[in-house]
Amino acid sequence: MITRARVEGMTCQHCVRAVFTALAGVDGIARANVGIGAIEVEHDGSVTVERLREAVAVAGYVVGEAETNRRVLPLA
């Protein structure tokens, strides 16, 4: 699954590193792409938006609008 979210207050590369580090401690995340003002997290489905909000809050930022998209695999 992939969750994309806006992150309020991120304005520099230090912010990006802080959020990336906070997300690294969340079990179930396979990959995190963090940019100024946004995150894209690939996970196993056990990670909720609320859990992402909690992790990002530890870094001092607020997750705003978020959406989770399920990957659909083609049938053989």
N, C-alpha and C. Protein backbone atom coordinates (compact mmCIF):
# COMPACT_ATOMS: atom_id res chain seq x y z
N MET A 1 0.84 -1.17 0.00
CA MET A 1 0.00 0.00 0.00
C MET A 1 0.89 1.24 0.00
N ILE A 2 0.34 2.31 -0.51
CA ILE A 2 1.07 3.58 -0.53
C ILE A 2 0.19 4.66 0.10
N THR A 3 0.77 5.37 1.06
CA THR A 3 0.09 6.50 1.68
C THR A 3 0.86 7.76 1.34
N ARG A 4 0.12 8.75 0.85
CA ARG A 4 0.70 10.07 0.54
C ARG A 4 0.06 11.08 1.47
N ALA A 5 0.88 12.01 1.97
CA ALA A 5 0.33 13.02 2.89
C ALA A 5 1.10 14.32 2.78
N ARG A 6 0.40 15.40 3.07
CA ARG A 6 1.02 16.72 3.19
C ARG A 6 1.54 16.83 4.61
N VAL A 7 2.67 17.50 4.78
CA VAL A 7 3.25 17.72 6.11
C VAL A 7 3.45 19.22 6.28
N GLU A 8 2.80 19.77 7.26
CA GLU A 8 2.86 21.21 7.51
C GLU A 8 4.11 21.57 8.31
N GLY A 9 4.73 22.67 7.94
CA GLY A 9 5.87 23.19 8.68
C GLY A 9 7.23 22.78 8.15
N MET A 10 7.28 21.89 7.16
CA MET A 10 8.56 21.47 6.60
C MET A 10 9.01 22.50 5.57
N THR A 11 10.16 23.12 5.82
CA THR A 11 10.62 24.17 4.92
C THR A 11 12.07 24.02 4.45
N CYS A 12 12.77 22.96 4.93
CA CYS A 12 14.18 22.84 4.58
C CYS A 12 14.62 21.37 4.62
N GLN A 13 15.86 21.14 4.24
CA GLN A 13 16.38 19.77 4.23
C GLN A 13 16.54 19.21 5.65
N HIS A 14 16.76 20.06 6.62
CA HIS A 14 16.80 19.59 8.01
C HIS A 14 15.44 18.99 8.38
N CYS A 15 14.38 19.65 7.97
CA CYS A 15 13.02 19.15 8.23
C CYS A 15 12.83 17.78 7.57
N VAL A 16 13.28 17.65 6.34
CA VAL A 16 13.16 16.40 5.60
C VAL A 16 13.88 15.29 6.35
N ARG A 17 15.09 15.54 6.80
CA ARG A 17 15.85 14.52 7.54
C ARG A 17 15.16 14.15 8.84
N ALA A 18 14.62 15.13 9.55
CA ALA A 18 13.94 14.86 10.82
C ALA A 18 12.72 13.97 10.61
N VAL A 19 11.93 14.25 9.59
CA VAL A 19 10.74 13.44 9.31
C VAL A 19 11.14 12.05 8.83
N PHE A 20 12.13 11.97 7.96
CA PHE A 20 12.60 10.67 7.47
C PHE A 20 13.07 9.80 8.63
N THR A 21 13.83 10.38 9.54
CA THR A 21 14.31 9.65 10.71
C THR A 21 13.16 9.18 11.59
N ALA A 22 12.15 10.02 11.77
CA ALA A 22 10.99 9.64 12.57
C ALA A 22 10.23 8.48 11.93
N LEU A 23 10.11 8.49 10.60
CA LEU A 23 9.40 7.42 9.91
C LEU A 23 10.19 6.12 9.92
N ALA A 24 11.51 6.20 10.01
CA ALA A 24 12.35 5.00 10.02
C ALA A 24 12.04 4.10 11.21
N GLY A 25 11.49 4.65 12.27
CA GLY A 25 11.17 3.86 13.44
C GLY A 25 9.81 3.20 13.42
N VAL A 26 9.06 3.35 12.33
CA VAL A 26 7.71 2.79 12.24
C VAL A 26 7.78 1.41 11.59
N ASP A 27 7.36 0.38 12.33
CA ASP A 27 7.33 -0.97 11.78
C ASP A 27 6.31 -1.06 10.65
N GLY A 28 6.67 -1.78 9.61
CA GLY A 28 5.77 -2.00 8.48
C GLY A 28 6.06 -1.13 7.28
N ILE A 29 6.90 -0.12 7.45
CA ILE A 29 7.25 0.76 6.33
C ILE A 29 8.38 0.12 5.53
N ALA A 30 8.15 -0.05 4.23
CA ALA A 30 9.16 -0.62 3.35
C ALA A 30 10.02 0.47 2.73
N ARG A 31 9.40 1.64 2.47
CA ARG A 31 10.11 2.74 1.83
C ARG A 31 9.42 4.04 2.17
N ALA A 32 10.20 5.07 2.40
CA ALA A 32 9.63 6.40 2.65
C ALA A 32 10.34 7.41 1.76
N ASN A 33 9.55 8.18 1.03
CA ASN A 33 10.08 9.25 0.20
C ASN A 33 9.60 10.55 0.85
N VAL A 34 10.54 11.32 1.36
CA VAL A 34 10.20 12.54 2.08
C VAL A 34 10.75 13.74 1.32
N GLY A 35 9.89 14.69 1.04
CA GLY A 35 10.28 15.93 0.39
C GLY A 35 9.73 17.09 1.19
N ILE A 36 10.12 18.27 0.86
CA ILE A 36 9.64 19.44 1.59
C ILE A 36 8.12 19.52 1.45
N GLY A 37 7.44 19.36 2.57
CA GLY A 37 5.99 19.49 2.60
C GLY A 37 5.18 18.25 2.29
N ALA A 38 5.83 17.11 2.01
CA ALA A 38 5.06 15.92 1.65
C ALA A 38 5.84 14.64 1.95
N ILE A 39 5.06 13.58 2.18
CA ILE A 39 5.66 12.25 2.34
C ILE A 39 4.89 11.26 1.46
N GLU A 40 5.61 10.23 1.02
CA GLU A 40 5.01 9.10 0.33
C GLU A 40 5.60 7.86 0.98
N VAL A 41 4.75 7.04 1.56
CA VAL A 41 5.20 5.89 2.33
C VAL A 41 4.64 4.62 1.74
N GLU A 42 5.52 3.68 1.40
CA GLU A 42 5.10 2.36 0.95
C GLU A 42 5.16 1.44 2.16
N HIS A 43 4.06 0.75 2.44
CA HIS A 43 4.01 -0.09 3.65
C HIS A 43 3.19 -1.34 3.41
N ASP A 44 3.22 -2.21 4.41
CA ASP A 44 2.57 -3.53 4.30
C ASP A 44 1.08 -3.52 4.62
N GLY A 45 0.50 -2.38 4.89
CA GLY A 45 -0.92 -2.29 5.20
C GLY A 45 -1.21 -2.19 6.68
N SER A 46 -0.22 -2.44 7.50
CA SER A 46 -0.42 -2.35 8.95
C SER A 46 -0.22 -0.93 9.47
N VAL A 47 0.29 -0.05 8.63
CA VAL A 47 0.58 1.32 9.03
C VAL A 47 -0.65 2.19 8.74
N THR A 48 -1.17 2.84 9.76
CA THR A 48 -2.32 3.71 9.60
C THR A 48 -1.87 5.16 9.44
N VAL A 49 -2.76 5.99 8.94
CA VAL A 49 -2.47 7.42 8.83
C VAL A 49 -2.24 7.98 10.23
N GLU A 50 -2.98 7.51 11.21
CA GLU A 50 -2.80 7.98 12.58
C GLU A 50 -1.40 7.66 13.09
N ARG A 51 -0.89 6.47 12.76
CA ARG A 51 0.48 6.10 13.18
C ARG A 51 1.51 7.00 12.51
N LEU A 52 1.28 7.35 11.26
CA LEU A 52 2.18 8.28 10.57
C LEU A 52 2.12 9.65 11.22
N ARG A 53 0.92 10.09 11.58
CA ARG A 53 0.76 11.38 12.27
C ARG A 53 1.56 11.40 13.57
N GLU A 54 1.47 10.30 14.33
CA GLU A 54 2.20 10.22 15.61
C GLU A 54 3.70 10.29 15.39
N ALA A 55 4.21 9.56 14.41
CA ALA A 55 5.65 9.54 14.15
C ALA A 55 6.14 10.91 13.70
N VAL A 56 5.41 11.55 12.80
CA VAL A 56 5.81 12.86 12.30
C VAL A 56 5.71 13.91 13.40
N ALA A 57 4.74 13.76 14.29
CA ALA A 57 4.60 14.70 15.42
C ALA A 57 5.82 14.66 16.33
N VAL A 58 6.43 13.49 16.47
CA VAL A 58 7.65 13.36 17.28
C VAL A 58 8.75 14.25 16.71
N ALA A 59 8.77 14.38 15.39
CA ALA A 59 9.77 15.23 14.72
C ALA A 59 9.39 16.71 14.79
N GLY A 60 8.17 17.00 15.25
CA GLY A 60 7.76 18.39 15.41
C GLY A 60 6.91 18.94 14.28
N TYR A 61 6.33 18.06 13.45
CA TYR A 61 5.55 18.51 12.31
C TYR A 61 4.15 17.89 12.36
N VAL A 62 3.26 18.40 11.52
CA VAL A 62 1.86 17.97 11.53
C VAL A 62 1.49 17.41 10.16
N VAL A 63 0.95 16.19 10.16
CA VAL A 63 0.45 15.59 8.92
C VAL A 63 -0.94 16.15 8.66
N GLY A 64 -1.10 16.71 7.48
CA GLY A 64 -2.40 17.25 7.08
C GLY A 64 -3.18 16.23 6.27
N GLU A 65 -3.62 16.63 5.11
CA GLU A 65 -4.40 15.77 4.22
C GLU A 65 -3.59 14.53 3.85
N ALA A 66 -4.24 13.36 3.93
CA ALA A 66 -3.56 12.10 3.61
C ALA A 66 -4.50 11.17 2.89
N GLU A 67 -3.93 10.31 2.04
CA GLU A 67 -4.72 9.31 1.35
C GLU A 67 -3.90 8.04 1.20
N THR A 68 -4.57 6.90 1.30
CA THR A 68 -3.92 5.60 1.14
C THR A 68 -4.49 4.94 -0.09
N ASN A 69 -3.60 4.48 -0.96
CA ASN A 69 -3.99 3.77 -2.17
C ASN A 69 -3.51 2.32 -2.07
N ARG A 70 -4.42 1.43 -2.32
CA ARG A 70 -4.03 0.02 -2.35
C ARG A 70 -3.51 -0.29 -3.74
N ARG A 71 -2.44 -1.07 -3.78
CA ARG A 71 -1.94 -1.52 -5.07
C ARG A 71 -2.78 -2.70 -5.52
N VAL A 72 -3.11 -2.71 -6.77
CA VAL A 72 -3.87 -3.82 -7.32
C VAL A 72 -2.94 -4.59 -8.25
N LEU A 73 -2.73 -5.85 -7.94
CA LEU A 73 -1.88 -6.67 -8.77
C LEU A 73 -2.71 -7.30 -9.88
N PRO A 74 -2.18 -7.38 -11.08
CA PRO A 74 -2.94 -8.00 -12.18
C PRO A 74 -3.11 -9.48 -11.95
N LEU A 75 -4.23 -10.00 -12.37
CA LEU A 75 -4.47 -11.44 -12.28
C LEU A 75 -3.72 -12.13 -13.40
N ALA A 76 -3.17 -13.28 -13.10
CA ALA A 76 -2.38 -14.02 -14.10
C ALA A 76 -3.25 -14.68 -15.13
